[in-house]
Amino acid sequence: MMKEKKRKKNWLKSWIDGDVLLSPFWNRQMGLVLLVSALIIVYVSNRYAFQQEQVQIQKLREKLDDVKYEALARSSELMEKSRESNIQQYIKEQGSALQMSTLPPVVVKR
């Protein structure tokens, strides 16, 4: 019983002191540990970069939607202003002597 407690204390003490890393097992496996550590770092950084790109894509999509809606509003506004009735009203408000033609348009053939 006393030996087990002493063994556990020695085992814990060797982990805390870092003596476990000097054992032959860890010396043989150090390359594998370093490789796994490097792969974990690459995986985490790749995941972070992917998330950043997704955030950027979402922002650009929102901006594209805003621009589309603004273009639609401008187009609607332009169509409203360019209607024949609105142009006639604008001409009257300006006091111009222009009048609508009573003759239909003529097609000129060559």
PDB file of N, CA and C in Angstrom:
ATOM      1  N   MET A   1       0.830  -1.187   0.000  1.00  0.00           N
ATOM      2  CA  MET A   1       0.000   0.000   0.000  1.00  0.00           C
ATOM      3  C   MET A   1       0.876   1.253   0.000  1.00  0.00           C
ATOM      4  N   MET A   2       1.858   1.235   0.837  1.00  0.00           N
ATOM      5  CA  MET A   2       2.753   2.380   0.956  1.00  0.00           C
ATOM      6  C   MET A   2       3.569   2.556  -0.321  1.00  0.00           C
ATOM      7  N   LYS A   3       3.912   1.407  -0.957  1.00  0.00           N
ATOM      8  CA  LYS A   3       4.689   1.454  -2.175  1.00  0.00           C
ATOM      9  C   LYS A   3       3.882   2.074  -3.317  1.00  0.00           C
ATOM     10  N   GLU A   4       2.569   1.759  -3.366  1.00  0.00           N
ATOM     11  CA  GLU A   4       1.707   2.320  -4.411  1.00  0.00           C
ATOM     12  C   GLU A   4       1.611   3.831  -4.276  1.00  0.00           C
ATOM     13  N   LYS A   5       1.442   4.331  -3.074  1.00  0.00           N
ATOM     14  CA  LYS A   5       1.369   5.784  -2.863  1.00  0.00           C
ATOM     15  C   LYS A   5       2.676   6.437  -3.277  1.00  0.00           C
ATOM     16  N   LYS A   6       3.789   5.783  -2.934  1.00  0.00           N
ATOM     17  CA  LYS A   6       5.085   6.335  -3.294  1.00  0.00           C
ATOM     18  C   LYS A   6       5.266   6.338  -4.816  1.00  0.00           C
ATOM     19  N   ARG A   7       4.792   5.262  -5.471  1.00  0.00           N
ATOM     20  CA  ARG A   7       4.874   5.180  -6.923  1.00  0.00           C
ATOM     21  C   ARG A   7       4.047   6.283  -7.578  1.00  0.00           C
ATOM     22  N   LYS A   8       2.836   6.477  -7.057  1.00  0.00           N
ATOM     23  CA  LYS A   8       1.974   7.528  -7.604  1.00  0.00           C
ATOM     24  C   LYS A   8       2.606   8.893  -7.410  1.00  0.00           C
ATOM     25  N   LYS A   9       3.205   9.111  -6.257  1.00  0.00           N
ATOM     26  CA  LYS A   9       3.869  10.392  -6.015  1.00  0.00           C
ATOM     27  C   LYS A   9       5.046  10.557  -6.969  1.00  0.00           C
ATOM     28  N   ASN A  10       5.810   9.487  -7.166  1.00  0.00           N
ATOM     29  CA  ASN A  10       6.951   9.561  -8.089  1.00  0.00           C
ATOM     30  C   ASN A  10       6.475   9.806  -9.516  1.00  0.00           C
ATOM     31  N   TRP A  11       5.397   9.134  -9.907  1.00  0.00           N
ATOM     32  CA  TRP A  11       4.848   9.306 -11.250  1.00  0.00           C
ATOM     33  C   TRP A  11       4.387  10.748 -11.462  1.00  0.00           C
ATOM     34  N   LEU A  12       3.644  11.292 -10.476  1.00  0.00           N
ATOM     35  CA  LEU A  12       3.175  12.672 -10.558  1.00  0.00           C
ATOM     36  C   LEU A  12       4.358  13.636 -10.553  1.00  0.00           C
ATOM     37  N   LYS A  13       5.322  13.353  -9.700  1.00  0.00           N
ATOM     38  CA  LYS A  13       6.505  14.217  -9.610  1.00  0.00           C
ATOM     39  C   LYS A  13       7.294  14.194 -10.922  1.00  0.00           C
ATOM     40  N   SER A  14       7.368  13.024 -11.561  1.00  0.00           N
ATOM     41  CA  SER A  14       8.123  12.941 -12.813  1.00  0.00           C
ATOM     42  C   SER A  14       7.394  13.694 -13.931  1.00  0.00           C
ATOM     43  N   TRP A  15       6.086  13.689 -13.933  1.00  0.00           N
ATOM     44  CA  TRP A  15       5.323  14.453 -14.934  1.00  0.00           C
ATOM     45  C   TRP A  15       5.500  15.946 -14.710  1.00  0.00           C
ATOM     46  N   ILE A  16       5.408  16.368 -13.443  1.00  0.00           N
ATOM     47  CA  ILE A  16       5.533  17.792 -13.128  1.00  0.00           C
ATOM     48  C   ILE A  16       6.946  18.281 -13.428  1.00  0.00           C
ATOM     49  N   ASP A  17       7.928  17.510 -13.076  1.00  0.00           N
ATOM     50  CA  ASP A  17       9.314  17.914 -13.314  1.00  0.00           C
ATOM     51  C   ASP A  17       9.705  17.834 -14.790  1.00  0.00           C
ATOM     52  N   GLY A  18       8.958  17.061 -15.562  1.00  0.00           N
ATOM     53  CA  GLY A  18       9.286  16.920 -16.973  1.00  0.00           C
ATOM     54  C   GLY A  18      10.230  15.773 -17.248  1.00  0.00           C
ATOM     55  N   ASP A  19      10.486  14.936 -16.268  1.00  0.00           N
ATOM     56  CA  ASP A  19      11.378  13.791 -16.470  1.00  0.00           C
ATOM     57  C   ASP A  19      10.774  12.763 -17.426  1.00  0.00           C
ATOM     58  N   VAL A  20       9.455  12.753 -17.565  1.00  0.00           N
ATOM     59  CA  VAL A  20       8.792  11.800 -18.447  1.00  0.00           C
ATOM     60  C   VAL A  20       9.236  12.038 -19.889  1.00  0.00           C
ATOM     61  N   LEU A  21       9.469  13.284 -20.246  1.00  0.00           N
ATOM     62  CA  LEU A  21       9.869  13.609 -21.617  1.00  0.00           C
ATOM     63  C   LEU A  21      11.260  13.064 -21.961  1.00  0.00           C
ATOM     64  N   LEU A  22      12.034  12.718 -20.946  1.00  0.00           N
ATOM     65  CA  LEU A  22      13.377  12.183 -21.182  1.00  0.00           C
ATOM     66  C   LEU A  22      13.371  10.664 -21.295  1.00  0.00           C
ATOM     67  N   SER A  23      12.222  10.045 -21.100  1.00  0.00           N
ATOM     68  CA  SER A  23      12.159   8.576 -21.174  1.00  0.00           C
ATOM     69  C   SER A  23      12.377   8.124 -22.609  1.00  0.00           C
ATOM     70  N   PRO A  24      12.839   6.890 -22.799  1.00  0.00           N
ATOM     71  CA  PRO A  24      13.106   6.384 -24.163  1.00  0.00           C
ATOM     72  C   PRO A  24      11.852   6.347 -25.040  1.00  0.00           C
ATOM     73  N   PHE A  25      10.707   6.089 -24.456  1.00  0.00           N
ATOM     74  CA  PHE A  25       9.462   6.056 -25.239  1.00  0.00           C
ATOM     75  C   PHE A  25       9.211   7.410 -25.892  1.00  0.00           C
ATOM     76  N   TRP A  26       9.303   8.466 -25.118  1.00  0.00           N
ATOM     77  CA  TRP A  26       9.048   9.800 -25.670  1.00  0.00           C
ATOM     78  C   TRP A  26      10.140  10.221 -26.641  1.00  0.00           C
ATOM     79  N   ASN A  27      11.343   9.786 -26.414  1.00  0.00           N
ATOM     80  CA  ASN A  27      12.420  10.096 -27.361  1.00  0.00           C
ATOM     81  C   ASN A  27      12.139   9.466 -28.726  1.00  0.00           C
ATOM     82  N   ARG A  28      11.593   8.241 -28.736  1.00  0.00           N
ATOM     83  CA  ARG A  28      11.269   7.584 -29.999  1.00  0.00           C
ATOM     84  C   ARG A  28      10.066   8.240 -30.685  1.00  0.00           C
ATOM     85  N   GLN A  29       9.138   8.732 -29.912  1.00  0.00           N
ATOM     86  CA  GLN A  29       7.885   9.260 -30.460  1.00  0.00           C
ATOM     87  C   GLN A  29       7.890  10.777 -30.675  1.00  0.00           C
ATOM     88  N   MET A  30       9.000  11.451 -30.419  1.00  0.00           N
ATOM     89  CA  MET A  30       9.055  12.907 -30.493  1.00  0.00           C
ATOM     90  C   MET A  30       8.729  13.421 -31.904  1.00  0.00           C
ATOM     91  N   GLY A  31       9.193  12.741 -32.918  1.00  0.00           N
ATOM     92  CA  GLY A  31       8.894  13.165 -34.293  1.00  0.00           C
ATOM     93  C   GLY A  31       7.399  13.120 -34.569  1.00  0.00           C
ATOM     94  N   LEU A  32       6.751  12.051 -34.117  1.00  0.00           N
ATOM     95  CA  LEU A  32       5.314  11.922 -34.303  1.00  0.00           C
ATOM     96  C   LEU A  32       4.561  13.014 -33.543  1.00  0.00           C
ATOM     97  N   VAL A  33       4.987  13.296 -32.343  1.00  0.00           N
ATOM     98  CA  VAL A  33       4.344  14.341 -31.537  1.00  0.00           C
ATOM     99  C   VAL A  33       4.482  15.691 -32.224  1.00  0.00           C
ATOM    100  N   LEU A  34       5.654  15.977 -32.747  1.00  0.00           N
ATOM    101  CA  LEU A  34       5.862  17.250 -33.444  1.00  0.00           C
ATOM    102  C   LEU A  34       5.025  17.321 -34.723  1.00  0.00           C
ATOM    103  N   LEU A  35       4.926  16.223 -35.456  1.00  0.00           N
ATOM    104  CA  LEU A  35       4.115  16.189 -36.668  1.00  0.00           C
ATOM    105  C   LEU A  35       2.644  16.425 -36.345  1.00  0.00           C
ATOM    106  N   VAL A  36       2.132  15.742 -35.340  1.00  0.00           N
ATOM    107  CA  VAL A  36       0.726  15.924 -34.949  1.00  0.00           C
ATOM    108  C   VAL A  36       0.486  17.356 -34.489  1.00  0.00           C
ATOM    109  N   SER A  37       1.417  17.908 -33.738  1.00  0.00           N
ATOM    110  CA  SER A  37       1.273  19.302 -33.280  1.00  0.00           C
ATOM    111  C   SER A  37       1.237  20.260 -34.465  1.00  0.00           C
ATOM    112  N   ALA A  38       2.119  20.049 -35.427  1.00  0.00           N
ATOM    113  CA  ALA A  38       2.142  20.914 -36.613  1.00  0.00           C
ATOM    114  C   ALA A  38       0.847  20.783 -37.400  1.00  0.00           C
ATOM    115  N   LEU A  39       0.326  19.561 -37.551  1.00  0.00           N
ATOM    116  CA  LEU A  39      -0.934  19.361 -38.273  1.00  0.00           C
ATOM    117  C   LEU A  39      -2.107  20.025 -37.552  1.00  0.00           C
ATOM    118  N   ILE A  40      -2.101  19.987 -36.248  1.00  0.00           N
ATOM    119  CA  ILE A  40      -3.164  20.651 -35.476  1.00  0.00           C
ATOM    120  C   ILE A  40      -3.110  22.160 -35.706  1.00  0.00           C
ATOM    121  N   ILE A  41      -1.918  22.722 -35.696  1.00  0.00           N
ATOM    122  CA  ILE A  41      -1.777  24.167 -35.922  1.00  0.00           C
ATOM    123  C   ILE A  41      -2.244  24.535 -37.331  1.00  0.00           C
ATOM    124  N   VAL A  42      -1.871  23.736 -38.327  1.00  0.00           N
ATOM    125  CA  VAL A  42      -2.301  24.002 -39.706  1.00  0.00           C
ATOM    126  C   VAL A  42      -3.821  23.896 -39.814  1.00  0.00           C
ATOM    127  N   TYR A  43      -4.402  22.892 -39.186  1.00  0.00           N
ATOM    128  CA  TYR A  43      -5.852  22.701 -39.227  1.00  0.00           C
ATOM    129  C   TYR A  43      -6.590  23.888 -38.617  1.00  0.00           C
ATOM    130  N   VAL A  44      -6.138  24.340 -37.467  1.00  0.00           N
ATOM    131  CA  VAL A  44      -6.792  25.465 -36.786  1.00  0.00           C
ATOM    132  C   VAL A  44      -6.660  26.738 -37.609  1.00  0.00           C
ATOM    133  N   SER A  45      -5.478  26.987 -38.160  1.00  0.00           N
ATOM    134  CA  SER A  45      -5.298  28.210 -38.951  1.00  0.00           C
ATOM    135  C   SER A  45      -6.111  28.155 -40.245  1.00  0.00           C
ATOM    136  N   ASN A  46      -6.215  26.981 -40.842  1.00  0.00           N
ATOM    137  CA  ASN A  46      -7.014  26.830 -42.056  1.00  0.00           C
ATOM    138  C   ASN A  46      -8.485  27.076 -41.753  1.00  0.00           C
ATOM    139  N   ARG A  47      -8.956  26.564 -40.653  1.00  0.00           N
ATOM    140  CA  ARG A  47     -10.353  26.759 -40.251  1.00  0.00           C
ATOM    141  C   ARG A  47     -10.624  28.249 -40.003  1.00  0.00           C
ATOM    142  N   TYR A  48      -9.703  28.928 -39.345  1.00  0.00           N
ATOM    143  CA  TYR A  48      -9.861  30.352 -39.071  1.00  0.00           C
ATOM    144  C   TYR A  48      -9.909  31.151 -40.377  1.00  0.00           C
ATOM    145  N   ALA A  49      -9.031  30.821 -41.317  1.00  0.00           N
ATOM    146  CA  ALA A  49      -9.013  31.525 -42.605  1.00  0.00           C
ATOM    147  C   ALA A  49     -10.321  31.290 -43.357  1.00  0.00           C
ATOM    148  N   PHE A  50     -10.840  30.074 -43.305  1.00  0.00           N
ATOM    149  CA  PHE A  50     -12.109  29.760 -43.959  1.00  0.00           C
ATOM    150  C   PHE A  50     -13.249  30.572 -43.358  1.00  0.00           C
ATOM    151  N   GLN A  51     -13.280  30.675 -42.047  1.00  0.00           N
ATOM    152  CA  GLN A  51     -14.331  31.458 -41.391  1.00  0.00           C
ATOM    153  C   GLN A  51     -14.228  32.929 -41.763  1.00  0.00           C
ATOM    154  N   GLN A  52     -13.028  33.454 -41.861  1.00  0.00           N
ATOM    155  CA  GLN A  52     -12.847  34.843 -42.252  1.00  0.00           C
ATOM    156  C   GLN A  52     -13.345  35.072 -43.676  1.00  0.00           C
ATOM    157  N   GLU A  53     -13.082  34.137 -44.565  1.00  0.00           N
ATOM    158  CA  GLU A  53     -13.564  34.262 -45.944  1.00  0.00           C
ATOM    159  C   GLU A  53     -15.084  34.203 -45.997  1.00  0.00           C
ATOM    160  N   GLN A  54     -15.686  33.358 -45.176  1.00  0.00           N
ATOM    161  CA  GLN A  54     -17.148  33.263 -45.145  1.00  0.00           C
ATOM    162  C   GLN A  54     -17.767  34.576 -44.664  1.00  0.00           C
ATOM    163  N   VAL A  55     -17.156  35.197 -43.669  1.00  0.00           N
ATOM    164  CA  VAL A  55     -17.644  36.485 -43.177  1.00  0.00           C
ATOM    165  C   VAL A  55     -17.530  37.531 -44.284  1.00  0.00           C
ATOM    166  N   GLN A  56     -16.415  37.550 -44.994  1.00  0.00           N
ATOM    167  CA  GLN A  56     -16.207  38.502 -46.091  1.00  0.00           C
ATOM    168  C   GLN A  56     -17.231  38.274 -47.209  1.00  0.00           C
ATOM    169  N   ILE A  57     -17.489  37.017 -47.550  1.00  0.00           N
ATOM    170  CA  ILE A  57     -18.476  36.703 -48.586  1.00  0.00           C
ATOM    171  C   ILE A  57     -19.855  37.193 -48.168  1.00  0.00           C
ATOM    172  N   GLN A  58     -20.214  36.984 -46.914  1.00  0.00           N
ATOM    173  CA  GLN A  58     -21.531  37.426 -46.432  1.00  0.00           C
ATOM    174  C   GLN A  58     -21.650  38.947 -46.500  1.00  0.00           C
ATOM    175  N   LYS A  59     -20.593  39.658 -46.126  1.00  0.00           N
ATOM    176  CA  LYS A  59     -20.624  41.117 -46.204  1.00  0.00           C
ATOM    177  C   LYS A  59     -20.782  41.587 -47.653  1.00  0.00           C
ATOM    178  N   LEU A  60     -20.067  40.943 -48.568  1.00  0.00           N
ATOM    179  CA  LEU A  60     -20.164  41.321 -49.975  1.00  0.00           C
ATOM    180  C   LEU A  60     -21.549  41.016 -50.547  1.00  0.00           C
ATOM    181  N   ARG A  61     -22.153  39.911 -50.116  1.00  0.00           N
ATOM    182  CA  ARG A  61     -23.513  39.599 -50.578  1.00  0.00           C
ATOM    183  C   ARG A  61     -24.514  40.648 -50.100  1.00  0.00           C
ATOM    184  N   GLU A  62     -24.372  41.065 -48.850  1.00  0.00           N
ATOM    185  CA  GLU A  62     -25.267  42.100 -48.317  1.00  0.00           C
ATOM    186  C   GLU A  62     -25.078  43.409 -49.083  1.00  0.00           C
ATOM    187  N   LYS A  63     -23.827  43.749 -49.379  1.00  0.00           N
ATOM    188  CA  LYS A  63     -23.547  44.970 -50.123  1.00  0.00           C
ATOM    189  C   LYS A  63     -24.123  44.878 -51.535  1.00  0.00           C
ATOM    190  N   LEU A  64     -24.003  43.713 -52.166  1.00  0.00           N
ATOM    191  CA  LEU A  64     -24.563  43.504 -53.493  1.00  0.00           C
ATOM    192  C   LEU A  64     -26.080  43.663 -53.489  1.00  0.00           C
ATOM    193  N   ASP A  65     -26.735  43.115 -52.474  1.00  0.00           N
ATOM    194  CA  ASP A  65     -28.191  43.266 -52.361  1.00  0.00           C
ATOM    195  C   ASP A  65     -28.570  44.740 -52.211  1.00  0.00           C
ATOM    196  N   ASP A  66     -27.832  45.467 -51.383  1.00  0.00           N
ATOM    197  CA  ASP A  66     -28.115  46.898 -51.210  1.00  0.00           C
ATOM    198  C   ASP A  66     -27.981  47.649 -52.532  1.00  0.00           C
ATOM    199  N   VAL A  67     -26.923  47.354 -53.280  1.00  0.00           N
ATOM    200  CA  VAL A  67     -26.702  48.028 -54.559  1.00  0.00           C
ATOM    201  C   VAL A  67     -27.802  47.663 -55.549  1.00  0.00           C
ATOM    202  N   LYS A  68     -28.223  46.405 -55.560  1.00  0.00           N
ATOM    203  CA  LYS A  68     -29.298  45.991 -56.461  1.00  0.00           C
ATOM    204  C   LYS A  68     -30.590  46.743 -56.155  1.00  0.00           C
ATOM    205  N   TYR A  69     -30.932  46.832 -54.870  1.00  0.00           N
ATOM    206  CA  TYR A  69     -32.162  47.532 -54.501  1.00  0.00           C
ATOM    207  C   TYR A  69     -32.080  49.019 -54.824  1.00  0.00           C
ATOM    208  N   GLU A  70     -30.907  49.596 -54.620  1.00  0.00           N
ATOM    209  CA  GLU A  70     -30.743  51.014 -54.949  1.00  0.00           C
ATOM    210  C   GLU A  70     -30.860  51.227 -56.458  1.00  0.00           C
ATOM    211  N   ALA A  71     -30.266  50.329 -57.255  1.00  0.00           N
ATOM    212  CA  ALA A  71     -30.370  50.441 -58.713  1.00  0.00           C
ATOM    213  C   ALA A  71     -31.817  50.275 -59.163  1.00  0.00           C
ATOM    214  N   LEU A  72     -32.539  49.371 -58.538  1.00  0.00           N
ATOM    215  CA  LEU A  72     -33.947  49.173 -58.873  1.00  0.00           C
ATOM    216  C   LEU A  72     -34.762  50.422 -58.551  1.00  0.00           C
ATOM    217  N   ALA A  73     -34.471  51.031 -57.405  1.00  0.00           N
ATOM    218  CA  ALA A  73     -35.184  52.258 -57.023  1.00  0.00           C
ATOM    219  C   ALA A  73     -34.876  53.388 -58.001  1.00  0.00           C
ATOM    220  N   ARG A  74     -33.602  53.522 -58.388  1.00  0.00           N
ATOM    221  CA  ARG A  74     -33.224  54.574 -59.349  1.00  0.00           C
ATOM    222  C   ARG A  74     -33.893  54.335 -60.699  1.00  0.00           C
ATOM    223  N   SER A  75     -33.921  53.095 -61.140  1.00  0.00           N
ATOM    224  CA  SER A  75     -34.542  52.765 -62.416  1.00  0.00           C
ATOM    225  C   SER A  75     -36.036  53.083 -62.387  1.00  0.00           C
ATOM    226  N   SER A  76     -36.678  52.757 -61.294  1.00  0.00           N
ATOM    227  CA  SER A  76     -38.107  53.048 -61.155  1.00  0.00           C
ATOM    228  C   SER A  76     -38.346  54.556 -61.158  1.00  0.00           C
ATOM    229  N   GLU A  77     -37.493  55.269 -60.465  1.00  0.00           N
ATOM    230  CA  GLU A  77     -37.611  56.735 -60.411  1.00  0.00           C
ATOM    231  C   GLU A  77     -37.423  57.341 -61.806  1.00  0.00           C
ATOM    232  N   LEU A  78     -36.448  56.840 -62.557  1.00  0.00           N
ATOM    233  CA  LEU A  78     -36.183  57.328 -63.907  1.00  0.00           C
ATOM    234  C   LEU A  78     -37.359  57.030 -64.838  1.00  0.00           C
ATOM    235  N   MET A  79     -37.931  55.830 -64.723  1.00  0.00           N
ATOM    236  CA  MET A  79     -39.083  55.493 -65.556  1.00  0.00           C
ATOM    237  C   MET A  79     -40.271  56.393 -65.242  1.00  0.00           C
ATOM    238  N   GLU A  80     -40.435  56.706 -63.974  1.00  0.00           N
ATOM    239  CA  GLU A  80     -41.542  57.589 -63.578  1.00  0.00           C
ATOM    240  C   GLU A  80     -41.353  58.985 -64.170  1.00  0.00           C
ATOM    241  N   LYS A  81     -40.122  59.476 -64.123  1.00  0.00           N
ATOM    242  CA  LYS A  81     -39.862  60.821 -64.639  1.00  0.00           C
ATOM    243  C   LYS A  81     -39.916  60.883 -66.156  1.00  0.00           C
ATOM    244  N   SER A  82     -39.644  59.776 -66.841  1.00  0.00           N
ATOM    245  CA  SER A  82     -39.592  59.809 -68.299  1.00  0.00           C
ATOM    246  C   SER A  82     -40.928  59.440 -68.958  1.00  0.00           C
ATOM    247  N   ARG A  83     -41.964  59.254 -68.193  1.00  0.00           N
ATOM    248  CA  ARG A  83     -43.277  58.983 -68.792  1.00  0.00           C
ATOM    249  C   ARG A  83     -43.753  60.220 -69.539  1.00  0.00           C
ATOM    250  N   GLU A  84     -44.469  59.972 -70.600  1.00  0.00           N
ATOM    251  CA  GLU A  84     -44.916  61.068 -71.464  1.00  0.00           C
ATOM    252  C   GLU A  84     -45.766  62.076 -70.691  1.00  0.00           C
ATOM    253  N   SER A  85     -46.663  61.594 -69.869  1.00  0.00           N
ATOM    254  CA  SER A  85     -47.538  62.516 -69.133  1.00  0.00           C
ATOM    255  C   SER A  85     -46.730  63.379 -68.155  1.00  0.00           C
ATOM    256  N   ASN A  86     -45.742  62.796 -67.535  1.00  0.00           N
ATOM    257  CA  ASN A  86     -44.922  63.574 -66.603  1.00  0.00           C
ATOM    258  C   ASN A  86     -44.056  64.595 -67.336  1.00  0.00           C
ATOM    259  N   ILE A  87     -43.577  64.231 -68.519  1.00  0.00           N
ATOM    260  CA  ILE A  87     -42.780  65.173 -69.306  1.00  0.00           C
ATOM    261  C   ILE A  87     -43.648  66.345 -69.762  1.00  0.00           C
ATOM    262  N   GLN A  88     -44.868  66.050 -70.200  1.00  0.00           N
ATOM    263  CA  GLN A  88     -45.785  67.127 -70.607  1.00  0.00           C
ATOM    264  C   GLN A  88     -46.072  68.067 -69.432  1.00  0.00           C
ATOM    265  N   GLN A  89     -46.286  67.495 -68.277  1.00  0.00           N
ATOM    266  CA  GLN A  89     -46.559  68.311 -67.095  1.00  0.00           C
ATOM    267  C   GLN A  89     -45.345  69.174 -66.748  1.00  0.00           C
ATOM    268  N   TYR A  90     -44.155  68.612 -66.833  1.00  0.00           N
ATOM    269  CA  TYR A  90     -42.936  69.356 -66.537  1.00  0.00           C
ATOM    270  C   TYR A  90     -42.758  70.515 -67.517  1.00  0.00           C
ATOM    271  N   ILE A  91     -43.043  70.259 -68.788  1.00  0.00           N
ATOM    272  CA  ILE A  91     -42.916  71.312 -69.813  1.00  0.00           C
ATOM    273  C   ILE A  91     -43.900  72.445 -69.524  1.00  0.00           C
ATOM    274  N   LYS A  92     -45.117  72.096 -69.150  1.00  0.00           N
ATOM    275  CA  LYS A  92     -46.115  73.124 -68.818  1.00  0.00           C
ATOM    276  C   LYS A  92     -45.678  73.934 -67.606  1.00  0.00           C
ATOM    277  N   GLU A  93     -45.126  73.251 -66.596  1.00  0.00           N
ATOM    278  CA  GLU A  93     -44.672  73.953 -65.388  1.00  0.00           C
ATOM    279  C   GLU A  93     -43.537  74.914 -65.702  1.00  0.00           C
ATOM    280  N   GLN A  94     -42.698  74.566 -66.658  1.00  0.00           N
ATOM    281  CA  GLN A  94     -41.565  75.413 -67.020  1.00  0.00           C
ATOM    282  C   GLN A  94     -41.985  76.576 -67.912  1.00  0.00           C
ATOM    283  N   GLY A  95     -43.189  76.512 -68.433  1.00  0.00           N
ATOM    284  CA  GLY A  95     -43.679  77.593 -69.276  1.00  0.00           C
ATOM    285  C   GLY A  95     -43.079  77.585 -70.664  1.00  0.00           C
ATOM    286  N   SER A  96     -42.729  76.434 -71.157  1.00  0.00           N
ATOM    287  CA  SER A  96     -42.142  76.314 -72.480  1.00  0.00           C
ATOM    288  C   SER A  96     -43.240  76.324 -73.538  1.00  0.00           C
ATOM    289  N   ALA A  97     -42.873  76.716 -74.761  1.00  0.00           N
ATOM    290  CA  ALA A  97     -43.831  76.775 -75.854  1.00  0.00           C
ATOM    291  C   ALA A  97     -43.900  75.455 -76.613  1.00  0.00           C
ATOM    292  N   LEU A  98     -43.222  74.429 -76.149  1.00  0.00           N
ATOM    293  CA  LEU A  98     -43.244  73.134 -76.828  1.00  0.00           C
ATOM    294  C   LEU A  98     -44.616  72.490 -76.695  1.00  0.00           C
ATOM    295  N   GLN A  99     -45.047  71.818 -77.768  1.00  0.00           N
ATOM    296  CA  GLN A  99     -46.335  71.123 -77.737  1.00  0.00           C
ATOM    297  C   GLN A  99     -46.159  69.747 -78.344  1.00  0.00           C
ATOM    298  N   MET A 100     -47.083  68.866 -78.027  1.00  0.00           N
ATOM    299  CA  MET A 100     -47.054  67.515 -78.570  1.00  0.00           C
ATOM    300  C   MET A 100     -47.444  67.561 -80.049  1.00  0.00           C
ATOM    301  N   SER A 101     -46.798  66.750 -80.851  1.00  0.00           N
ATOM    302  CA  SER A 101     -47.095  66.679 -82.278  1.00  0.00           C
ATOM    303  C   SER A 101     -48.411  65.943 -82.488  1.00  0.00           C
ATOM    304  N   THR A 102     -49.195  66.448 -83.425  1.00  0.00           N
ATOM    305  CA  THR A 102     -50.462  65.774 -83.736  1.00  0.00           C
ATOM    306  C   THR A 102     -50.292  64.818 -84.895  1.00  0.00           C
ATOM    307  N   LEU A 103     -49.149  64.886 -85.580  1.00  0.00           N
ATOM    308  CA  LEU A 103     -48.873  64.003 -86.710  1.00  0.00           C
ATOM    309  C   LEU A 103     -48.141  62.757 -86.228  1.00  0.00           C
ATOM    310  N   PRO A 104     -48.461  61.620 -86.781  1.00  0.00           N
ATOM    311  CA  PRO A 104     -47.741  60.409 -86.386  1.00  0.00           C
ATOM    312  C   PRO A 104     -46.298  60.463 -86.915  1.00  0.00           C
ATOM    313  N   PRO A 105     -45.399  59.693 -86.322  1.00  0.00           N
ATOM    314  CA  PRO A 105     -44.036  59.676 -86.804  1.00  0.00           C
ATOM    315  C   PRO A 105     -43.942  59.079 -88.193  1.00  0.00           C
ATOM    316  N   VAL A 106     -42.989  59.526 -88.964  1.00  0.00           N
ATOM    317  CA  VAL A 106     -42.813  59.088 -90.346  1.00  0.00           C
ATOM    318  C   VAL A 106     -41.528  58.281 -90.430  1.00  0.00           C
ATOM    319  N   VAL A 107     -41.593  57.144 -91.112  1.00  0.00           N
ATOM    320  CA  VAL A 107     -40.410  56.308 -91.310  1.00  0.00           C
ATOM    321  C   VAL A 107     -39.755  56.714 -92.613  1.00  0.00           C
ATOM    322  N   VAL A 108     -38.479  57.085 -92.565  1.00  0.00           N
ATOM    323  CA  VAL A 108     -37.729  57.495 -93.745  1.00  0.00           C
ATOM    324  C   VAL A 108     -36.998  56.279 -94.273  1.00  0.00           C
ATOM    325  N   LYS A 109     -37.265  55.956 -95.558  1.00  0.00           N
ATOM    326  CA  LYS A 109     -36.604  54.803 -96.157  1.00  0.00           C
ATOM    327  C   LYS A 109     -35.466  55.286 -97.026  1.00  0.00           C
ATOM    328  N   ARG A 110     -34.435  54.577 -97.133  1.00  0.00           N
ATOM    329  CA  ARG A 110     -33.300  54.940 -97.964  1.00  0.00           C
ATOM    330  C   ARG A 110     -33.388  54.357 -99.316  1.00  0.00           C
TER     331      ARG A 110
END
